[in-house]
Amino acid sequence: VHGIDVDTSVPLIGSRGKAPLDEEFLRMHPKKTMGDLIDLAENGVFSVCGNVVGIVGGEEWWYPACKCHKSVIPDSGAYYCNGCGKHVFQVVPRYC
């Protein structure tokens, strides 16, 4: 249009840029569905991605935990930790 050749390509100056780390990870590791992972015979480390489509009402997103990261149960005005085997008075909220 108006004397401009639209089929001309622009040369790349310098070396190609490196793909972002997340794209490189996805290219190096095959994608699997949850069904594929359930049927998988060998152990491994997997990265699972998902979308939140709803929230369950009435459930807490955290639980009280001891400093050893085990959940605690209320007992006699304090909390009892099965991991430590003793009563604890300070708990830390841990997310489910």
PDB file of N, CA and C in Angstrom:
ATOM      1  N   VAL A   1       0.855  -1.166   0.000  1.00  0.00           N
ATOM      2  CA  VAL A   1       0.000   0.000   0.000  1.00  0.00           C
ATOM      3  C   VAL A   1       0.900   1.228   0.000  1.00  0.00           C
ATOM      4  N   HIS A   2       0.652   2.163  -0.856  1.00  0.00           N
ATOM      5  CA  HIS A   2       1.391   3.416  -0.946  1.00  0.00           C
ATOM      6  C   HIS A   2       2.888   3.204  -1.085  1.00  0.00           C
ATOM      7  N   GLY A   3       3.321   2.203  -1.860  1.00  0.00           N
ATOM      8  CA  GLY A   3       4.739   1.997  -2.124  1.00  0.00           C
ATOM      9  C   GLY A   3       5.486   1.227  -1.054  1.00  0.00           C
ATOM     10  N   ILE A   4       4.803   0.686  -0.049  1.00  0.00           N
ATOM     11  CA  ILE A   4       5.474  -0.085   1.001  1.00  0.00           C
ATOM     12  C   ILE A   4       5.315  -1.567   0.681  1.00  0.00           C
ATOM     13  N   ASP A   5       6.443  -2.294   0.634  1.00  0.00           N
ATOM     14  CA  ASP A   5       6.425  -3.716   0.343  1.00  0.00           C
ATOM     15  C   ASP A   5       6.138  -4.474   1.643  1.00  0.00           C
ATOM     16  N   VAL A   6       4.972  -5.096   1.750  1.00  0.00           N
ATOM     17  CA  VAL A   6       4.573  -5.757   2.978  1.00  0.00           C
ATOM     18  C   VAL A   6       5.171  -7.154   3.136  1.00  0.00           C
ATOM     19  N   ASP A   7       5.791  -7.701   2.080  1.00  0.00           N
ATOM     20  CA  ASP A   7       6.377  -9.034   2.164  1.00  0.00           C
ATOM     21  C   ASP A   7       7.821  -9.007   2.644  1.00  0.00           C
ATOM     22  N   THR A   8       8.365  -7.832   2.917  1.00  0.00           N
ATOM     23  CA  THR A   8       9.748  -7.729   3.351  1.00  0.00           C
ATOM     24  C   THR A   8       9.849  -8.136   4.820  1.00  0.00           C
ATOM     25  N   SER A   9      10.800  -9.036   5.114  1.00  0.00           N
ATOM     26  CA  SER A   9      10.977  -9.446   6.502  1.00  0.00           C
ATOM     27  C   SER A   9      12.022  -8.564   7.173  1.00  0.00           C
ATOM     28  N   VAL A  10      11.894  -8.419   8.462  1.00  0.00           N
ATOM     29  CA  VAL A  10      12.841  -7.634   9.241  1.00  0.00           C
ATOM     30  C   VAL A  10      13.867  -8.610   9.812  1.00  0.00           C
ATOM     31  N   PRO A  11      15.153  -8.377   9.561  1.00  0.00           N
ATOM     32  CA  PRO A  11      16.166  -9.313  10.074  1.00  0.00           C
ATOM     33  C   PRO A  11      16.274  -9.212  11.594  1.00  0.00           C
ATOM     34  N   LEU A  12      16.627 -10.333  12.214  1.00  0.00           N
ATOM     35  CA  LEU A  12      16.821 -10.382  13.652  1.00  0.00           C
ATOM     36  C   LEU A  12      18.218  -9.876  13.965  1.00  0.00           C
ATOM     37  N   ILE A  13      18.308  -8.903  14.852  1.00  0.00           N
ATOM     38  CA  ILE A  13      19.604  -8.347  15.225  1.00  0.00           C
ATOM     39  C   ILE A  13      20.039  -9.007  16.526  1.00  0.00           C
ATOM     40  N   GLY A  14      21.191  -9.590  16.553  1.00  0.00           N
ATOM     41  CA  GLY A  14      21.703 -10.254  17.757  1.00  0.00           C
ATOM     42  C   GLY A  14      21.205 -11.687  17.853  1.00  0.00           C
ATOM     43  N   SER A  15      21.552 -12.346  18.956  1.00  0.00           N
ATOM     44  CA  SER A  15      21.151 -13.736  19.133  1.00  0.00           C
ATOM     45  C   SER A  15      19.700 -13.799  19.601  1.00  0.00           C
ATOM     46  N   ARG A  16      19.112 -14.969  19.418  1.00  0.00           N
ATOM     47  CA  ARG A  16      17.734 -15.170  19.854  1.00  0.00           C
ATOM     48  C   ARG A  16      17.648 -15.090  21.361  1.00  0.00           C
ATOM     49  N   GLY A  17      16.595 -14.503  21.859  1.00  0.00           N
ATOM     50  CA  GLY A  17      16.387 -14.420  23.300  1.00  0.00           C
ATOM     51  C   GLY A  17      16.058 -15.789  23.869  1.00  0.00           C
ATOM     52  N   LYS A  18      16.408 -16.003  25.109  1.00  0.00           N
ATOM     53  CA  LYS A  18      16.126 -17.274  25.768  1.00  0.00           C
ATOM     54  C   LYS A  18      14.670 -17.293  26.220  1.00  0.00           C
ATOM     55  N   ALA A  19      14.042 -18.452  26.086  1.00  0.00           N
ATOM     56  CA  ALA A  19      12.644 -18.597  26.497  1.00  0.00           C
ATOM     57  C   ALA A  19      12.545 -18.428  28.011  1.00  0.00           C
ATOM     58  N   PRO A  20      11.444 -17.875  28.497  1.00  0.00           N
ATOM     59  CA  PRO A  20      11.261 -17.765  29.947  1.00  0.00           C
ATOM     60  C   PRO A  20      11.326 -19.143  30.601  1.00  0.00           C
ATOM     61  N   LEU A  21      11.680 -19.180  31.875  1.00  0.00           N
ATOM     62  CA  LEU A  21      11.894 -20.432  32.589  1.00  0.00           C
ATOM     63  C   LEU A  21      10.652 -21.319  32.580  1.00  0.00           C
ATOM     64  N   ASP A  22       9.465 -20.726  32.745  1.00  0.00           N
ATOM     65  CA  ASP A  22       8.260 -21.552  32.763  1.00  0.00           C
ATOM     66  C   ASP A  22       7.997 -22.196  31.408  1.00  0.00           C
ATOM     67  N   GLU A  23       8.239 -21.487  30.313  1.00  0.00           N
ATOM     68  CA  GLU A  23       8.069 -22.075  28.988  1.00  0.00           C
ATOM     69  C   GLU A  23       9.093 -23.171  28.753  1.00  0.00           C
ATOM     70  N   GLU A  24      10.331 -22.963  29.206  1.00  0.00           N
ATOM     71  CA  GLU A  24      11.375 -23.974  29.052  1.00  0.00           C
ATOM     72  C   GLU A  24      11.009 -25.232  29.838  1.00  0.00           C
ATOM     73  N   PHE A  25      10.488 -25.064  31.050  1.00  0.00           N
ATOM     74  CA  PHE A  25      10.084 -26.196  31.871  1.00  0.00           C
ATOM     75  C   PHE A  25       8.996 -27.002  31.180  1.00  0.00           C
ATOM     76  N   LEU A  26       7.990 -26.309  30.645  1.00  0.00           N
ATOM     77  CA  LEU A  26       6.887 -26.995  29.983  1.00  0.00           C
ATOM     78  C   LEU A  26       7.339 -27.702  28.713  1.00  0.00           C
ATOM     79  N   ARG A  27       8.316 -27.163  28.030  1.00  0.00           N
ATOM     80  CA  ARG A  27       8.821 -27.786  26.809  1.00  0.00           C
ATOM     81  C   ARG A  27       9.663 -29.025  27.136  1.00  0.00           C
ATOM     82  N   MET A  28      10.394 -29.009  28.255  1.00  0.00           N
ATOM     83  CA  MET A  28      11.284 -30.114  28.615  1.00  0.00           C
ATOM     84  C   MET A  28      10.532 -31.287  29.250  1.00  0.00           C
ATOM     85  N   HIS A  29       9.389 -31.037  29.878  1.00  0.00           N
ATOM     86  CA  HIS A  29       8.664 -32.073  30.605  1.00  0.00           C
ATOM     87  C   HIS A  29       7.296 -32.283  29.963  1.00  0.00           C
ATOM     88  N   PRO A  30       6.953 -33.523  29.666  1.00  0.00           N
ATOM     89  CA  PRO A  30       5.653 -33.771  29.019  1.00  0.00           C
ATOM     90  C   PRO A  30       4.485 -33.481  29.959  1.00  0.00           C
ATOM     91  N   LYS A  31       3.389 -33.045  29.374  1.00  0.00           N
ATOM     92  CA  LYS A  31       2.189 -32.763  30.155  1.00  0.00           C
ATOM     93  C   LYS A  31       1.437 -34.065  30.382  1.00  0.00           C
ATOM     94  N   LYS A  32       0.838 -34.190  31.565  1.00  0.00           N
ATOM     95  CA  LYS A  32       0.042 -35.359  31.905  1.00  0.00           C
ATOM     96  C   LYS A  32      -1.242 -34.889  32.576  1.00  0.00           C
ATOM     97  N   THR A  33      -2.273 -35.668  32.415  1.00  0.00           N
ATOM     98  CA  THR A  33      -3.528 -35.379  33.101  1.00  0.00           C
ATOM     99  C   THR A  33      -3.476 -36.017  34.482  1.00  0.00           C
ATOM    100  N   MET A  34      -4.442 -35.679  35.339  1.00  0.00           N
ATOM    101  CA  MET A  34      -4.499 -36.285  36.660  1.00  0.00           C
ATOM    102  C   MET A  34      -4.701 -37.799  36.533  1.00  0.00           C
ATOM    103  N   GLY A  35      -5.465 -38.229  35.545  1.00  0.00           N
ATOM    104  CA  GLY A  35      -5.660 -39.654  35.310  1.00  0.00           C
ATOM    105  C   GLY A  35      -4.360 -40.347  34.953  1.00  0.00           C
ATOM    106  N   ASP A  36      -3.518 -39.677  34.147  1.00  0.00           N
ATOM    107  CA  ASP A  36      -2.209 -40.237  33.794  1.00  0.00           C
ATOM    108  C   ASP A  36      -1.342 -40.400  35.039  1.00  0.00           C
ATOM    109  N   LEU A  37      -1.384 -39.418  35.926  1.00  0.00           N
ATOM    110  CA  LEU A  37      -0.570 -39.486  37.142  1.00  0.00           C
ATOM    111  C   LEU A  37      -1.031 -40.589  38.081  1.00  0.00           C
ATOM    112  N   ILE A  38      -2.335 -40.806  38.154  1.00  0.00           N
ATOM    113  CA  ILE A  38      -2.861 -41.867  39.019  1.00  0.00           C
ATOM    114  C   ILE A  38      -2.391 -43.230  38.524  1.00  0.00           C
ATOM    115  N   ASP A  39      -2.360 -43.405  37.195  1.00  0.00           N
ATOM    116  CA  ASP A  39      -1.956 -44.684  36.609  1.00  0.00           C
ATOM    117  C   ASP A  39      -0.448 -44.855  36.503  1.00  0.00           C
ATOM    118  N   LEU A  40       0.333 -43.828  36.853  1.00  0.00           N
ATOM    119  CA  LEU A  40       1.785 -43.866  36.705  1.00  0.00           C
ATOM    120  C   LEU A  40       2.399 -44.842  37.706  1.00  0.00           C
ATOM    121  N   ALA A  41       3.284 -45.717  37.233  1.00  0.00           N
ATOM    122  CA  ALA A  41       3.883 -46.740  38.094  1.00  0.00           C
ATOM    123  C   ALA A  41       5.096 -46.210  38.864  1.00  0.00           C
ATOM    124  N   GLU A  42       5.898 -45.325  38.262  1.00  0.00           N
ATOM    125  CA  GLU A  42       7.114 -44.872  38.929  1.00  0.00           C
ATOM    126  C   GLU A  42       6.858 -43.620  39.776  1.00  0.00           C
ATOM    127  N   ASN A  43       7.681 -43.448  40.798  1.00  0.00           N
ATOM    128  CA  ASN A  43       7.608 -42.272  41.658  1.00  0.00           C
ATOM    129  C   ASN A  43       8.304 -41.113  40.971  1.00  0.00           C
ATOM    130  N   GLY A  44       7.952 -39.919  41.360  1.00  0.00           N
ATOM    131  CA  GLY A  44       8.593 -38.748  40.790  1.00  0.00           C
ATOM    132  C   GLY A  44       8.078 -37.480  41.437  1.00  0.00           C
ATOM    133  N   VAL A  45       8.656 -36.362  41.032  1.00  0.00           N
ATOM    134  CA  VAL A  45       8.229 -35.053  41.490  1.00  0.00           C
ATOM    135  C   VAL A  45       7.472 -34.408  40.341  1.00  0.00           C
ATOM    136  N   PHE A  46       6.294 -33.886  40.631  1.00  0.00           N
ATOM    137  CA  PHE A  46       5.447 -33.330  39.587  1.00  0.00           C
ATOM    138  C   PHE A  46       4.967 -31.948  39.983  1.00  0.00           C
ATOM    139  N   SER A  47       4.789 -31.107  39.016  1.00  0.00           N
ATOM    140  CA  SER A  47       4.217 -29.784  39.217  1.00  0.00           C
ATOM    141  C   SER A  47       2.782 -29.840  38.716  1.00  0.00           C
ATOM    142  N   VAL A  48       1.835 -29.489  39.570  1.00  0.00           N
ATOM    143  CA  VAL A  48       0.426 -29.556  39.213  1.00  0.00           C
ATOM    144  C   VAL A  48      -0.125 -28.146  39.143  1.00  0.00           C
ATOM    145  N   CYS A  49      -0.761 -27.820  38.051  1.00  0.00           N
ATOM    146  CA  CYS A  49      -1.380 -26.504  37.866  1.00  0.00           C
ATOM    147  C   CYS A  49      -2.889 -26.684  37.785  1.00  0.00           C
ATOM    148  N   GLY A  50      -3.613 -25.735  38.275  1.00  0.00           N
ATOM    149  CA  GLY A  50      -5.066 -25.823  38.221  1.00  0.00           C
ATOM    150  C   GLY A  50      -5.703 -24.459  38.362  1.00  0.00           C
ATOM    151  N   ASN A  51      -6.982 -24.422  38.156  1.00  0.00           N
ATOM    152  CA  ASN A  51      -7.766 -23.203  38.296  1.00  0.00           C
ATOM    153  C   ASN A  51      -8.787 -23.404  39.402  1.00  0.00           C
ATOM    154  N   VAL A  52      -8.965 -22.408  40.247  1.00  0.00           N
ATOM    155  CA  VAL A  52      -9.990 -22.460  41.280  1.00  0.00           C
ATOM    156  C   VAL A  52     -11.316 -22.143  40.612  1.00  0.00           C
ATOM    157  N   VAL A  53     -12.255 -23.081  40.702  1.00  0.00           N
ATOM    158  CA  VAL A  53     -13.555 -22.868  40.075  1.00  0.00           C
ATOM    159  C   VAL A  53     -14.654 -22.662  41.111  1.00  0.00           C
ATOM    160  N   GLY A  54     -14.324 -22.867  42.381  1.00  0.00           N
ATOM    161  CA  GLY A  54     -15.314 -22.663  43.433  1.00  0.00           C
ATOM    162  C   GLY A  54     -14.670 -22.807  44.797  1.00  0.00           C
ATOM    163  N   ILE A  55     -15.353 -22.332  45.805  1.00  0.00           N
ATOM    164  CA  ILE A  55     -14.854 -22.396  47.170  1.00  0.00           C
ATOM    165  C   ILE A  55     -15.867 -23.178  47.996  1.00  0.00           C
ATOM    166  N   VAL A  56     -15.382 -24.112  48.789  1.00  0.00           N
ATOM    167  CA  VAL A  56     -16.261 -24.881  49.668  1.00  0.00           C
ATOM    168  C   VAL A  56     -16.594 -24.017  50.874  1.00  0.00           C
ATOM    169  N   GLY A  57     -17.855 -23.759  51.059  1.00  0.00           N
ATOM    170  CA  GLY A  57     -18.280 -22.938  52.186  1.00  0.00           C
ATOM    171  C   GLY A  57     -18.242 -23.707  53.491  1.00  0.00           C
ATOM    172  N   GLY A  58     -18.024 -23.014  54.592  1.00  0.00           N
ATOM    173  CA  GLY A  58     -18.048 -23.629  55.909  1.00  0.00           C
ATOM    174  C   GLY A  58     -16.767 -24.325  56.314  1.00  0.00           C
ATOM    175  N   GLU A  59     -15.758 -24.358  55.488  1.00  0.00           N
ATOM    176  CA  GLU A  59     -14.485 -25.002  55.804  1.00  0.00           C
ATOM    177  C   GLU A  59     -13.426 -23.935  56.017  1.00  0.00           C
ATOM    178  N   GLU A  60     -12.595 -24.118  57.011  1.00  0.00           N
ATOM    179  CA  GLU A  60     -11.494 -23.185  57.260  1.00  0.00           C
ATOM    180  C   GLU A  60     -10.351 -23.462  56.281  1.00  0.00           C
ATOM    181  N   TRP A  61      -9.571 -22.454  55.984  1.00  0.00           N
ATOM    182  CA  TRP A  61      -8.428 -22.583  55.083  1.00  0.00           C
ATOM    183  C   TRP A  61      -7.139 -22.821  55.857  1.00  0.00           C
ATOM    184  N   TRP A  62      -7.223 -22.948  57.148  1.00  0.00           N
ATOM    185  CA  TRP A  62      -6.037 -23.130  57.967  1.00  0.00           C
ATOM    186  C   TRP A  62      -6.385 -24.033  59.154  1.00  0.00           C
ATOM    187  N   TYR A  63      -5.361 -24.506  59.807  1.00  0.00           N
ATOM    188  CA  TYR A  63      -5.548 -25.306  61.017  1.00  0.00           C
ATOM    189  C   TYR A  63      -4.489 -24.889  62.029  1.00  0.00           C
ATOM    190  N   PRO A  64      -4.783 -25.007  63.340  1.00  0.00           N
ATOM    191  CA  PRO A  64      -3.781 -24.652  64.347  1.00  0.00           C
ATOM    192  C   PRO A  64      -2.707 -25.741  64.400  1.00  0.00           C
ATOM    193  N   ALA A  65      -1.455 -25.319  64.430  1.00  0.00           N
ATOM    194  CA  ALA A  65      -0.350 -26.270  64.422  1.00  0.00           C
ATOM    195  C   ALA A  65       0.677 -25.913  65.485  1.00  0.00           C
ATOM    196  N   CYS A  66       1.411 -26.915  65.910  1.00  0.00           N
ATOM    197  CA  CYS A  66       2.521 -26.759  66.849  1.00  0.00           C
ATOM    198  C   CYS A  66       3.730 -26.221  66.075  1.00  0.00           C
ATOM    199  N   LYS A  67       4.772 -25.838  66.798  1.00  0.00           N
ATOM    200  CA  LYS A  67       5.985 -25.367  66.117  1.00  0.00           C
ATOM    201  C   LYS A  67       6.665 -26.487  65.332  1.00  0.00           C
ATOM    202  N   CYS A  68       6.286 -27.754  65.605  1.00  0.00           N
ATOM    203  CA  CYS A  68       6.818 -28.890  64.834  1.00  0.00           C
ATOM    204  C   CYS A  68       6.007 -29.117  63.562  1.00  0.00           C
ATOM    205  N   HIS A  69       5.018 -28.261  63.301  1.00  0.00           N
ATOM    206  CA  HIS A  69       4.172 -28.265  62.109  1.00  0.00           C
ATOM    207  C   HIS A  69       3.094 -29.342  62.117  1.00  0.00           C
ATOM    208  N   LYS A  70       2.915 -30.065  63.207  1.00  0.00           N
ATOM    209  CA  LYS A  70       1.839 -31.044  63.329  1.00  0.00           C
ATOM    210  C   LYS A  70       0.592 -30.339  63.845  1.00  0.00           C
ATOM    211  N   SER A  71      -0.580 -30.825  63.438  1.00  0.00           N
ATOM    212  CA  SER A  71      -1.815 -30.212  63.929  1.00  0.00           C
ATOM    213  C   SER A  71      -1.995 -30.517  65.412  1.00  0.00           C
ATOM    214  N   VAL A  72      -2.698 -29.616  66.091  1.00  0.00           N
ATOM    215  CA  VAL A  72      -2.940 -29.760  67.519  1.00  0.00           C
ATOM    216  C   VAL A  72      -4.436 -29.867  67.764  1.00  0.00           C
ATOM    217  N   ILE A  73      -4.802 -30.404  68.936  1.00  0.00           N
ATOM    218  CA  ILE A  73      -6.209 -30.500  69.307  1.00  0.00           C
ATOM    219  C   ILE A  73      -6.414 -29.767  70.632  1.00  0.00           C
ATOM    220  N   PRO A  74      -7.547 -29.054  70.784  1.00  0.00           N
ATOM    221  CA  PRO A  74      -7.799 -28.354  72.050  1.00  0.00           C
ATOM    222  C   PRO A  74      -7.921 -29.355  73.197  1.00  0.00           C
ATOM    223  N   ASP A  75      -7.303 -29.017  74.332  1.00  0.00           N
ATOM    224  CA  ASP A  75      -7.342 -29.907  75.497  1.00  0.00           C
ATOM    225  C   ASP A  75      -7.071 -29.111  76.769  1.00  0.00           C
ATOM    226  N   SER A  76      -8.046 -29.024  77.647  1.00  0.00           N
ATOM    227  CA  SER A  76      -7.901 -28.402  78.976  1.00  0.00           C
ATOM    228  C   SER A  76      -7.370 -26.974  78.917  1.00  0.00           C
ATOM    229  N   GLY A  77      -7.902 -26.134  78.073  1.00  0.00           N
ATOM    230  CA  GLY A  77      -7.478 -24.742  77.999  1.00  0.00           C
ATOM    231  C   GLY A  77      -6.163 -24.538  77.258  1.00  0.00           C
ATOM    232  N   ALA A  78      -5.588 -25.579  76.734  1.00  0.00           N
ATOM    233  CA  ALA A  78      -4.360 -25.490  75.937  1.00  0.00           C
ATOM    234  C   ALA A  78      -4.579 -26.342  74.689  1.00  0.00           C
ATOM    235  N   TYR A  79      -3.518 -26.695  74.036  1.00  0.00           N
ATOM    236  CA  TYR A  79      -3.585 -27.575  72.872  1.00  0.00           C
ATOM    237  C   TYR A  79      -2.634 -28.741  73.102  1.00  0.00           C
ATOM    238  N   TYR A  80      -3.013 -29.906  72.576  1.00  0.00           N
ATOM    239  CA  TYR A  80      -2.154 -31.073  72.703  1.00  0.00           C
ATOM    240  C   TYR A  80      -1.598 -31.431  71.329  1.00  0.00           C
ATOM    241  N   CYS A  81      -0.278 -31.627  71.257  1.00  0.00           N
ATOM    242  CA  CYS A  81       0.391 -31.990  70.017  1.00  0.00           C
ATOM    243  C   CYS A  81       0.791 -33.468  70.082  1.00  0.00           C
ATOM    244  N   ASN A  82       0.241 -34.274  69.196  1.00  0.00           N
ATOM    245  CA  ASN A  82       0.616 -35.687  69.140  1.00  0.00           C
ATOM    246  C   ASN A  82       2.045 -35.865  68.641  1.00  0.00           C
ATOM    247  N   GLY A  83       2.523 -34.931  67.813  1.00  0.00           N
ATOM    248  CA  GLY A  83       3.893 -35.015  67.290  1.00  0.00           C
ATOM    249  C   GLY A  83       4.931 -34.864  68.390  1.00  0.00           C
ATOM    250  N   CYS A  84       4.715 -33.887  69.273  1.00  0.00           N
ATOM    251  CA  CYS A  84       5.649 -33.648  70.386  1.00  0.00           C
ATOM    252  C   CYS A  84       5.282 -34.462  71.621  1.00  0.00           C
ATOM    253  N   GLY A  85       4.007 -34.876  71.695  1.00  0.00           N
ATOM    254  CA  GLY A  85       3.549 -35.626  72.863  1.00  0.00           C
ATOM    255  C   GLY A  85       3.401 -34.773  74.106  1.00  0.00           C
ATOM    256  N   LYS A  86       3.051 -33.478  73.932  1.00  0.00           N
ATOM    257  CA  LYS A  86       2.909 -32.601  75.098  1.00  0.00           C
ATOM    258  C   LYS A  86       1.899 -31.495  74.807  1.00  0.00           C
ATOM    259  N   HIS A  87       1.520 -30.786  75.867  1.00  0.00           N
ATOM    260  CA  HIS A  87       0.625 -29.641  75.723  1.00  0.00           C
ATOM    261  C   HIS A  87       1.429 -28.425  75.262  1.00  0.00           C
ATOM    262  N   VAL A  88       0.843 -27.656  74.360  1.00  0.00           N
ATOM    263  CA  VAL A  88       1.479 -26.426  73.889  1.00  0.00           C
ATOM    264  C   VAL A  88       0.492 -25.278  74.078  1.00  0.00           C
ATOM    265  N   PHE A  89       1.029 -24.093  74.315  1.00  0.00           N
ATOM    266  CA  PHE A  89       0.185 -22.930  74.565  1.00  0.00           C
ATOM    267  C   PHE A  89       0.227 -21.916  73.426  1.00  0.00           C
ATOM    268  N   GLN A  90       1.190 -22.028  72.554  1.00  0.00           N
ATOM    269  CA  GLN A  90       1.273 -21.150  71.391  1.00  0.00           C
ATOM    270  C   GLN A  90       1.169 -21.996  70.137  1.00  0.00           C
ATOM    271  N   VAL A  91       0.204 -21.650  69.305  1.00  0.00           N
ATOM    272  CA  VAL A  91       0.022 -22.369  68.052  1.00  0.00           C
ATOM    273  C   VAL A  91       0.215 -21.427  66.887  1.00  0.00           C
ATOM    274  N   VAL A  92       0.485 -21.988  65.750  1.00  0.00           N
ATOM    275  CA  VAL A  92       0.718 -21.220  64.531  1.00  0.00           C
ATOM    276  C   VAL A  92      -0.330 -21.642  63.509  1.00  0.00           C
ATOM    277  N   PRO A  93      -1.014 -20.673  62.849  1.00  0.00           N
ATOM    278  CA  PRO A  93      -1.963 -21.080  61.807  1.00  0.00           C
ATOM    279  C   PRO A  93      -1.218 -21.579  60.568  1.00  0.00           C
ATOM    280  N   ARG A  94      -1.559 -22.771  60.095  1.00  0.00           N
ATOM    281  CA  ARG A  94      -0.952 -23.331  58.880  1.00  0.00           C
ATOM    282  C   ARG A  94      -2.061 -23.511  57.860  1.00  0.00           C
ATOM    283  N   TYR A  95      -1.764 -23.146  56.641  1.00  0.00           N
ATOM    284  CA  TYR A  95      -2.760 -23.230  55.579  1.00  0.00           C
ATOM    285  C   TYR A  95      -2.879 -24.633  55.036  1.00  0.00           C
ATOM    286  N   CYS A  96      -4.127 -25.033  54.770  1.00  0.00           N
ATOM    287  CA  CYS A  96      -4.392 -26.366  54.213  1.00  0.00           C
ATOM    288  C   CYS A  96      -3.940 -26.420  52.759  1.00  0.00           C
TER     289      CYS A  96
END
